[in-house]
Protein backbone atom coordinates (compact mmCIF):
# COMPACT_ATOMS: atom_id res chain seq x y z
CA MET A 1 -1.90 1.37 -3.14
CA SER A 2 -4.67 1.25 -5.66
CA TRP A 3 -5.03 -0.47 -8.91
CA ALA A 4 -7.63 -0.06 -11.60
CA GLY A 5 -8.16 -2.31 -14.61
CA PRO A 6 -7.82 -0.62 -17.94
CA SER A 7 -10.76 0.97 -19.51
CA GLN A 8 -11.94 -0.62 -22.71
CA PRO A 9 -11.61 1.72 -25.68
CA HIS A 10 -14.14 1.84 -28.49
CA ILE A 11 -12.87 -0.17 -31.46
CA GLN A 12 -13.13 1.72 -34.69
CA PRO A 13 -14.11 -0.40 -37.77
CA SER A 14 -10.69 0.15 -39.23
CA THR A 15 -8.94 -1.45 -36.35
CA ALA A 16 -11.45 -4.16 -35.57
CA ILE A 17 -9.71 -6.66 -37.72
CA SER A 18 -6.25 -6.18 -36.29
CA GLN A 19 -7.76 -6.37 -32.67
CA TYR A 20 -9.39 -9.61 -33.61
CA SER A 21 -6.12 -10.91 -34.93
CA VAL A 22 -4.39 -10.07 -31.63
CA GLU A 23 -7.22 -11.78 -29.70
CA ALA A 24 -6.97 -14.89 -31.94
CA CYS A 25 -3.15 -15.00 -31.45
CA GLU A 26 -3.65 -14.81 -27.69
CA THR A 27 -6.18 -17.83 -27.80
CA ARG A 28 -3.51 -19.87 -29.44
CA LYS A 29 -1.04 -19.43 -26.61
CA PRO A 30 -1.11 -21.90 -23.71
CA THR A 31 -2.63 -20.58 -20.52
CA LEU A 32 -0.70 -19.84 -17.31
CA LEU A 33 -2.96 -19.63 -14.30
CA CYS A 34 -1.18 -17.93 -11.48
CA LEU A 35 -3.04 -18.36 -8.07
CA SER A 36 -1.67 -15.74 -5.58
CA HIS A 37 -2.30 -14.58 -1.95
CA LEU A 38 -0.80 -11.14 -3.07
CA ARG A 39 -2.83 -8.69 -5.06
CA TRP A 40 -1.54 -7.51 -8.29
CA GLY A 41 -1.99 -3.91 -7.20
CA PHE A 42 -0.63 -4.07 -3.76
CA VAL A 43 3.17 -3.87 -3.88
CA TYR A 44 5.06 -4.50 -7.13
CA GLN A 45 7.30 -7.49 -6.28
CA ARG A 46 8.26 -10.93 -7.29
CA PRO A 47 4.85 -12.16 -8.82
CA GLN A 48 4.42 -9.00 -10.84
CA HIS A 49 8.00 -9.06 -12.30
CA LEU A 50 7.72 -12.67 -13.27
CA MET A 51 4.18 -12.83 -14.58
CA SER A 52 4.78 -9.84 -16.75
CA ARG A 53 7.53 -11.64 -18.45
CA PHE A 54 5.83 -14.99 -18.61
CA ALA A 55 2.94 -13.24 -20.45
CA GLN A 56 5.14 -13.18 -23.50
CA ASP A 57 4.71 -17.01 -23.77
CA TYR A 58 1.36 -17.51 -22.15
CA ARG A 59 -2.19 -16.08 -21.83
CA LEU A 60 -1.61 -15.06 -18.37
CA LEU A 61 -4.39 -15.18 -15.73
CA PHE A 62 -3.73 -13.81 -12.29
CA TRP A 63 -6.21 -15.15 -9.86
CA GLU A 64 -6.55 -13.19 -6.48
CA GLU A 65 -8.05 -14.08 -3.12
CA PRO A 66 -11.72 -13.30 -2.70
CA VAL A 67 -13.20 -9.91 -1.96
CA PRO A 68 -16.65 -9.45 -0.02
CA CYS A 69 -19.33 -8.08 -2.07
CA GLU A 70 -22.96 -6.83 -1.58
CA GLU A 71 -24.63 -8.83 -4.30
CA ALA A 72 -26.61 -11.93 -3.54
CA GLU A 73 -24.49 -14.27 -5.70
CA PRO A 74 -20.82 -14.85 -6.33
CA TRP A 75 -19.28 -13.20 -9.44
CA LEU A 76 -15.89 -12.58 -11.00
CA GLU A 77 -14.32 -9.21 -11.48
CA GLU A 78 -12.14 -9.29 -14.52
CA HIS A 79 -9.46 -6.71 -15.39
CA PRO A 80 -8.14 -7.68 -18.86
CA GLY A 81 -4.77 -6.74 -20.09
CA ASN A 82 -1.34 -8.32 -20.93
CA VAL A 83 -1.93 -9.94 -17.36
CA THR A 84 -5.60 -10.54 -16.82
CA VAL A 85 -6.52 -10.05 -13.16
CA LEU A 86 -9.37 -12.14 -11.83
CA VAL A 87 -10.86 -11.22 -8.37
CA PRO A 88 -13.69 -13.62 -7.00
CA ARG A 89 -16.31 -11.39 -5.41
CA LEU A 90 -18.23 -13.39 -2.82
CA PRO A 91 -21.25 -12.28 -0.78
CA HIS A 92 -20.75 -11.89 3.00
CA ARG A 93 -22.34 -15.24 3.87
CA PHE A 94 -19.24 -16.88 2.35
CA GLN A 95 -16.85 -16.77 5.29
CA GLY A 96 -13.37 -18.25 5.66
CA ASN A 97 -12.19 -21.44 3.99
CA THR A 98 -15.49 -23.32 4.07
CA PRO A 99 -16.69 -25.82 1.61
CA MET A 100 -19.11 -23.21 0.39
CA THR A 101 -16.37 -20.68 -0.21
CA VAL A 102 -14.38 -23.32 -1.99
CA GLU A 103 -17.18 -24.42 -4.23
CA ALA A 104 -17.98 -20.82 -5.07
CA GLN A 105 -14.39 -20.19 -6.36
CA ARG A 106 -14.14 -23.51 -8.17
CA GLY A 107 -17.34 -22.60 -10.11
CA LEU A 108 -16.21 -19.15 -11.03
CA LEU A 109 -12.93 -20.65 -12.09
CA ASP A 110 -14.21 -23.40 -14.18
CA ASP A 111 -16.82 -21.09 -15.84
CA TYR A 112 -14.04 -18.54 -16.78
CA LEU A 113 -11.74 -21.09 -18.30
CA ALA A 114 -14.52 -22.76 -20.21
CA ARG A 115 -15.78 -19.47 -21.64
CA HIS A 116 -12.17 -18.40 -22.70
CA GLU A 117 -11.28 -21.93 -23.98
CA ALA A 118 -8.06 -22.14 -21.87
CA ARG A 119 -5.70 -24.73 -23.40
CA ASP A 120 -2.40 -26.43 -22.34
CA LEU A 121 -2.91 -25.17 -18.79
CA LEU A 122 0.07 -24.47 -16.55
CA LEU A 123 -0.89 -23.99 -12.99
CA TRP A 124 1.49 -21.62 -10.93
CA TYR A 125 0.90 -21.42 -7.12
CA TYR A 126 1.99 -18.76 -4.75
CA THR A 127 -0.40 -19.94 -2.06
CA PRO A 128 -1.18 -23.59 -1.35
CA MET A 129 -4.49 -22.68 -0.12
CA SER A 130 -5.74 -22.24 -3.61
CA LEU A 131 -5.32 -25.97 -4.10
CA ALA A 132 -8.68 -26.46 -2.68
CA PHE A 133 -10.54 -25.12 -5.63
CA SER A 134 -8.05 -25.89 -8.41
CA ALA A 135 -6.74 -29.35 -7.76
CA HIS A 136 -9.30 -30.89 -10.29
CA LEU A 137 -7.91 -28.91 -13.24
CA PRO A 138 -6.11 -30.98 -15.84
CA ALA A 139 -2.72 -29.05 -15.94
CA ARG A 140 0.07 -29.85 -18.14
CA LEU A 141 2.54 -28.61 -15.38
CA VAL A 142 2.21 -27.54 -11.98
CA VAL A 143 4.72 -24.99 -10.38
CA TYR A 144 4.95 -24.00 -6.81
CA ASP A 145 6.87 -20.80 -6.31
CA CYS A 146 7.40 -20.66 -2.63
CA MET A 147 8.62 -17.05 -2.10
CA ASP A 148 8.00 -17.10 1.66
CA GLU A 149 7.31 -19.42 4.61
CA LEU A 150 3.59 -18.49 4.78
CA SER A 151 2.71 -20.74 7.71
CA ALA A 152 4.99 -18.57 9.89
CA PHE A 153 3.12 -15.30 9.05
CA ARG A 154 0.60 -13.77 11.38
CA GLY A 155 -2.87 -14.79 10.53
CA ALA A 156 -1.86 -18.00 8.60
CA PRO A 157 -4.73 -20.54 8.41
CA PRO A 158 -4.00 -23.68 10.43
CA GLU A 159 -4.61 -25.95 7.45
CA LEU A 160 -2.03 -24.13 5.32
CA LEU A 161 0.73 -26.75 6.06
CA ILE A 162 -1.63 -29.60 5.13
CA CYS A 163 -2.25 -27.91 1.79
CA GLU A 164 1.32 -27.15 1.16
CA ARG A 165 2.12 -30.93 1.66
CA ALA A 166 -0.59 -31.77 -0.93
CA LEU A 167 0.73 -29.23 -3.33
CA LEU A 168 4.32 -30.47 -2.96
CA LYS A 169 3.07 -33.96 -3.89
CA ARG A 170 1.40 -32.52 -7.02
CA ALA A 171 4.02 -29.89 -8.15
CA ASP A 172 6.27 -30.86 -10.98
CA VAL A 173 8.83 -28.16 -10.04
CA VAL A 174 9.29 -26.01 -6.88
CA PHE A 175 11.04 -22.62 -7.03
CA THR A 176 11.98 -20.71 -3.74
CA GLY A 177 12.46 -17.00 -3.08
CA GLY A 178 15.91 -17.52 -1.39
CA TYR A 179 18.39 -20.15 -0.24
CA SER A 180 17.32 -20.48 3.31
CA ILE A 181 13.78 -21.51 2.30
CA TRP A 182 15.26 -23.72 -0.51
CA GLU A 183 17.34 -25.67 2.15
CA ALA A 184 13.98 -26.46 3.97
CA LYS A 185 11.82 -27.32 0.86
CA ARG A 186 14.45 -29.42 -1.02
CA ARG A 187 14.02 -32.10 1.70
CA LEU A 188 10.39 -32.21 0.71
CA HIS A 189 10.73 -32.14 -3.28
CA ASP A 190 13.18 -33.71 -5.50
CA ASN A 191 12.93 -30.98 -8.15
CA ALA A 192 13.22 -27.77 -6.01
CA HIS A 193 15.41 -24.85 -7.16
CA PRO A 194 16.55 -21.71 -5.37
CA MET A 195 15.47 -18.64 -7.46
CA PRO A 196 16.26 -15.65 -5.38
CA SER A 197 14.28 -12.57 -6.26
CA SER A 198 16.28 -10.12 -8.35
CA VAL A 199 16.24 -6.49 -9.23
CA ASP A 200 15.29 -4.04 -12.09
CA ILE A 201 18.66 -2.30 -12.00
CA ALA A 202 17.84 0.32 -14.69
CA HIS A 203 14.52 1.26 -12.81
CA PHE A 204 16.36 1.97 -9.33
CA ALA A 205 19.47 3.21 -10.95
CA ALA A 206 17.52 6.49 -11.76
CA ALA A 207 17.90 7.23 -8.13
CA ARG A 208 21.60 7.88 -8.70
CA GLN A 209 20.78 10.99 -10.64
CA PRO A 210 19.44 14.14 -9.23
CA LEU A 211 15.58 13.73 -9.21
CA GLN A 212 12.90 16.10 -8.14
CA GLN A 213 12.01 15.17 -4.52
CA PRO A 214 8.46 14.08 -3.76
CA ALA A 215 6.64 16.76 -1.89
CA ASP A 216 6.07 14.79 1.36
CA GLN A 217 9.77 14.08 1.62
CA ALA A 218 11.41 17.44 0.20
CA GLN A 219 11.00 19.28 3.41
CA LEU A 220 12.83 16.80 5.48
CA PRO A 221 16.33 17.88 6.44
CA SER A 222 19.28 15.59 6.13
CA PRO A 223 20.43 12.99 6.96
CA ARG A 224 17.50 10.94 5.71
CA LEU A 225 17.31 7.18 6.41
CA GLY A 226 14.59 5.24 4.47
CA PHE A 227 12.72 2.05 4.13
CA PHE A 228 10.19 0.87 1.61
CA GLY A 229 8.07 -2.21 1.79
CA VAL A 230 5.42 -3.72 3.81
CA ILE A 231 5.09 -2.77 7.40
CA ASP A 232 3.90 -5.83 9.16
CA GLU A 233 5.00 -8.26 11.90
CA ARG A 234 8.34 -8.67 10.22
CA PHE A 235 9.16 -5.09 10.91
CA ASP A 236 11.00 -4.33 14.15
CA LEU A 237 9.04 -1.28 15.53
CA GLU A 238 10.94 -1.41 18.82
CA LEU A 239 14.24 -1.12 17.05
CA ILE A 240 13.18 1.77 14.84
CA ASP A 241 11.75 3.60 17.70
CA GLN A 242 15.06 3.29 19.70
CA VAL A 243 17.02 4.54 16.72
CA ALA A 244 14.75 7.64 16.49
CA VAL A 245 15.24 8.41 20.07
CA MET A 246 18.98 7.96 20.07
CA ARG A 247 19.43 10.20 17.04
CA PRO A 248 16.60 12.67 16.98
CA HIS A 249 18.23 14.71 14.21
CA TRP A 250 18.14 11.78 11.83
CA GLN A 251 14.92 11.83 9.64
CA ILE A 252 13.53 8.21 9.16
CA VAL A 253 11.20 7.89 6.11
CA LEU A 254 9.04 4.78 6.20
CA ILE A 255 7.14 3.93 2.88
CA GLY A 256 4.70 1.27 2.48
CA PRO A 257 1.29 -0.07 3.65
CA VAL A 258 0.75 -1.13 7.21
CA VAL A 259 -0.87 -4.59 7.43
CA LYS A 260 -1.67 -7.11 10.10
CA ILE A 261 -0.70 -4.78 12.81
CA ASP A 262 -2.56 -2.22 14.54
CA PRO A 263 -1.61 1.25 13.10
CA ALA A 264 -1.92 2.73 16.63
CA SER A 265 0.96 0.41 17.79
CA LEU A 266 3.34 2.29 15.43
CA PRO A 267 5.91 4.39 17.24
CA ARG A 268 5.35 8.08 16.96
CA ARG A 269 8.23 10.49 17.03
CA ASP A 270 8.97 13.88 15.45
CA ASN A 271 11.73 12.26 13.17
CA LEU A 272 9.65 9.20 12.21
CA HIS A 273 7.70 9.81 9.01
CA TYR A 274 5.13 7.28 7.62
CA LEU A 275 4.44 8.19 4.13
CA GLY A 276 2.17 5.34 3.16
CA GLY A 277 2.18 3.17 0.11
CA LYS A 278 3.78 4.45 -3.06
CA ARG A 279 3.63 3.20 -6.64
CA TYR A 280 6.54 1.29 -8.00
CA ASP A 281 7.51 4.12 -10.41
CA GLU A 282 7.70 6.57 -7.45
CA LEU A 283 10.27 4.68 -5.40
CA PRO A 284 13.39 5.87 -7.17
CA ALA A 285 12.60 9.61 -6.55
CA TYR A 286 12.35 8.78 -2.77
CA LEU A 287 15.50 6.58 -2.73
CA ALA A 288 17.33 9.41 -4.53
CA GLY A 289 16.88 11.47 -1.48
CA TRP A 290 18.18 9.14 1.20
CA ASP A 291 21.58 8.89 2.66
CA VAL A 292 21.10 5.37 4.12
CA ALA A 293 18.67 2.51 3.31
CA LEU A 294 17.34 0.50 6.12
CA MET A 295 16.21 -3.06 6.60
CA PRO A 296 15.00 -3.15 10.27
CA PHE A 297 13.55 -6.59 10.23
CA ALA A 298 12.71 -8.34 13.45
CA LEU A 299 14.41 -11.71 14.13
CA ASN A 300 11.44 -14.06 14.46
CA GLU A 301 9.72 -17.00 12.72
CA ALA A 302 8.19 -14.81 10.00
CA THR A 303 11.65 -13.65 8.96
CA ARG A 304 13.58 -16.77 9.29
CA PHE A 305 13.48 -17.69 5.62
CA ILE A 306 13.07 -14.34 3.99
CA SER A 307 15.30 -13.02 1.18
CA PRO A 308 14.46 -9.36 0.92
CA THR A 309 14.41 -7.87 -2.66
CA LYS A 310 15.11 -4.56 -1.12
CA THR A 311 18.79 -5.33 -0.70
CA PRO A 312 19.75 -5.17 -4.44
CA GLU A 313 17.17 -2.39 -5.21
CA TYR A 314 18.70 -0.17 -2.62
CA LEU A 315 22.14 -0.94 -4.07
CA ALA A 316 21.01 -0.42 -7.60
CA GLY A 317 19.95 3.08 -6.40
CA GLY A 318 23.55 3.64 -5.08
CA CYS A 319 22.46 3.79 -1.41
CA PRO A 320 24.46 1.97 1.48
CA VAL A 321 22.26 -0.49 3.47
CA VAL A 322 21.94 -1.26 7.16
CA SER A 323 20.14 -4.54 7.93
CA THR A 324 19.55 -6.79 10.84
CA SER A 325 21.03 -10.20 10.66
CA ILE A 326 18.53 -11.76 8.34
CA THR A 327 20.13 -15.20 7.15
CA ASP A 328 20.01 -14.77 3.44
CA VAL A 329 21.23 -11.07 3.66
CA VAL A 330 24.20 -12.16 5.74
CA ARG A 331 24.83 -15.06 3.41
CA HIS A 332 24.93 -12.99 0.07
CA TYR A 333 26.00 -9.53 1.23
CA GLY A 334 27.42 -9.89 4.64
CA ASN A 335 30.97 -9.47 3.35
CA SER A 336 30.31 -6.54 1.17
CA GLU A 337 31.35 -3.16 2.24
CA LEU A 338 28.04 -1.61 1.46
CA VAL A 339 25.69 -3.88 3.46
CA LEU A 340 26.29 -3.36 7.12
CA ILE A 341 24.75 -6.02 9.60
CA ALA A 342 23.76 -5.04 13.04
CA ASP A 343 21.37 -6.29 15.81
CA GLY A 344 20.17 -4.11 18.74
CA ALA A 345 19.70 -0.29 18.77
CA ALA A 346 23.17 0.70 19.71
CA ALA A 347 24.89 -1.58 17.02
CA PHE A 348 22.30 -0.41 14.39
CA VAL A 349 22.93 3.32 15.11
CA GLU A 350 26.76 2.65 14.97
CA ALA A 351 26.31 0.87 11.66
CA ILE A 352 24.20 3.74 10.21
CA GLU A 353 26.92 6.12 11.22
CA GLU A 354 29.46 4.09 9.28
CA ALA A 355 27.08 4.00 6.25
CA LEU A 356 26.69 7.80 6.38
CA LEU A 357 30.45 8.03 5.90
CA LEU A 358 30.24 5.70 2.83
CA SER A 359 27.38 7.83 1.48
CA ALA A 360 29.53 10.83 1.27
CA ASP A 361 31.50 9.40 -1.52
CA ARG A 362 28.93 8.52 -4.01
CA PRO A 363 31.13 7.64 -7.04
CA ALA A 364 33.06 5.13 -5.04
CA LEU A 365 29.83 3.75 -3.52
CA GLN A 366 28.07 3.34 -6.79
CA ALA A 367 31.11 1.63 -8.37
CA ALA A 368 31.15 -0.85 -5.42
CA ALA A 369 27.35 -1.36 -5.69
CA ASP A 370 27.78 -2.35 -9.34
CA ARG A 371 30.43 -4.88 -8.53
CA ILE A 372 28.08 -6.49 -5.94
CA LEU A 373 25.07 -6.57 -8.21
CA GLY A 374 27.03 -8.02 -11.18
CA ASP A 375 24.55 -9.19 -13.91
CA MET A 376 21.47 -9.73 -11.59
CA SER A 377 18.23 -9.18 -13.40
CA TRP A 378 14.66 -10.40 -13.41
CA ASP A 379 15.18 -11.44 -16.95
CA LYS A 380 17.93 -13.73 -15.82
CA THR A 381 15.81 -15.24 -13.14
CA TRP A 382 12.82 -15.63 -15.53
CA SER A 383 15.03 -17.26 -18.13
CA ALA A 384 16.33 -19.80 -15.55
CA MET A 385 12.76 -20.61 -14.57
CA ARG A 386 11.62 -21.07 -18.17
CA GLU A 387 14.69 -23.62 -18.65
CA LYS A 388 13.59 -25.61 -15.55
CA ILE A 389 9.93 -25.54 -16.73
CA GLN A 390 10.81 -26.84 -20.14
CA CYS A 391 12.86 -29.70 -18.51
CA ALA A 392 9.88 -30.65 -16.29
CA MET A 393 7.52 -30.88 -19.15
């Protein structure tokens, strides 16, 4: 997926005063600096949903991990907007988490905050690794939103756990992306709260209506089984390959970027369709064309604590779900009639066949999905976080 910062329009004299007023109002807001391992334009998920809402109360800065550049000296790429995205650009001689790399990022960050007169700073961490260049900042409040157990992911730096322990000592409040990871982190912090990722029901409910099918999916016959998300070490490639072999007439649509694994390792079958990354606003059109939604996650250390946002998104679109036995999925949806749990290829195929029967009765399926989702919303999650933040100040 790609993202480009907004272009800067020429300000006519008649609008300059109102523009100045808006900017002056922004400078009076407290500043929330979000330090993230995920890029703003990668996949629209928890950080984007939450930071877009917190931008109502804060001047919102979203700091990404460094990107190499050809210039001789470090510089900061800025994408201004309702959420201002900041990308450190470091010359190739800055490699890894070295003191030189840390110092370069600290300098860029300090310079930006000084130039923009950041006030009443709130630090919001998605990655403990950012503590190395930001720990010196005088923050009114420090939040650690632990959405995943990053230390279990492929390629995690060995010092991540040390950095996390330091962050947990400094954090005023800790949020977690699900209950399993909360059960682990609550032992390490006395102000930790489970805040499972939610769903934009209205956005995905568009898939319940007939939508024009995207060109790269429209030609595929039914039944169609689909997945959207990142394809990485958490995705069970062997399972999806076995399902494709066992049911060659099922068309399996896989949407999302391939990261941290060799694309050459992806199974290739006539009924496996890798459509690449799609924009968030494109997903309902794909979902509308699926008979069953899939969550074929591997059961390994990287998935031990995950709480997939896809579950409620699929249900909001009126699609039955088949998942492997991810702990938080079983905990919250295992007793529902629309989320079927199965491990191993034979059981997974059997569950899909059951889900296809459910898919035949769309009105009943959608009514059941609404009962499961209840009043879930990102607004509700955001509101609960705001309350905990206010209590911690």
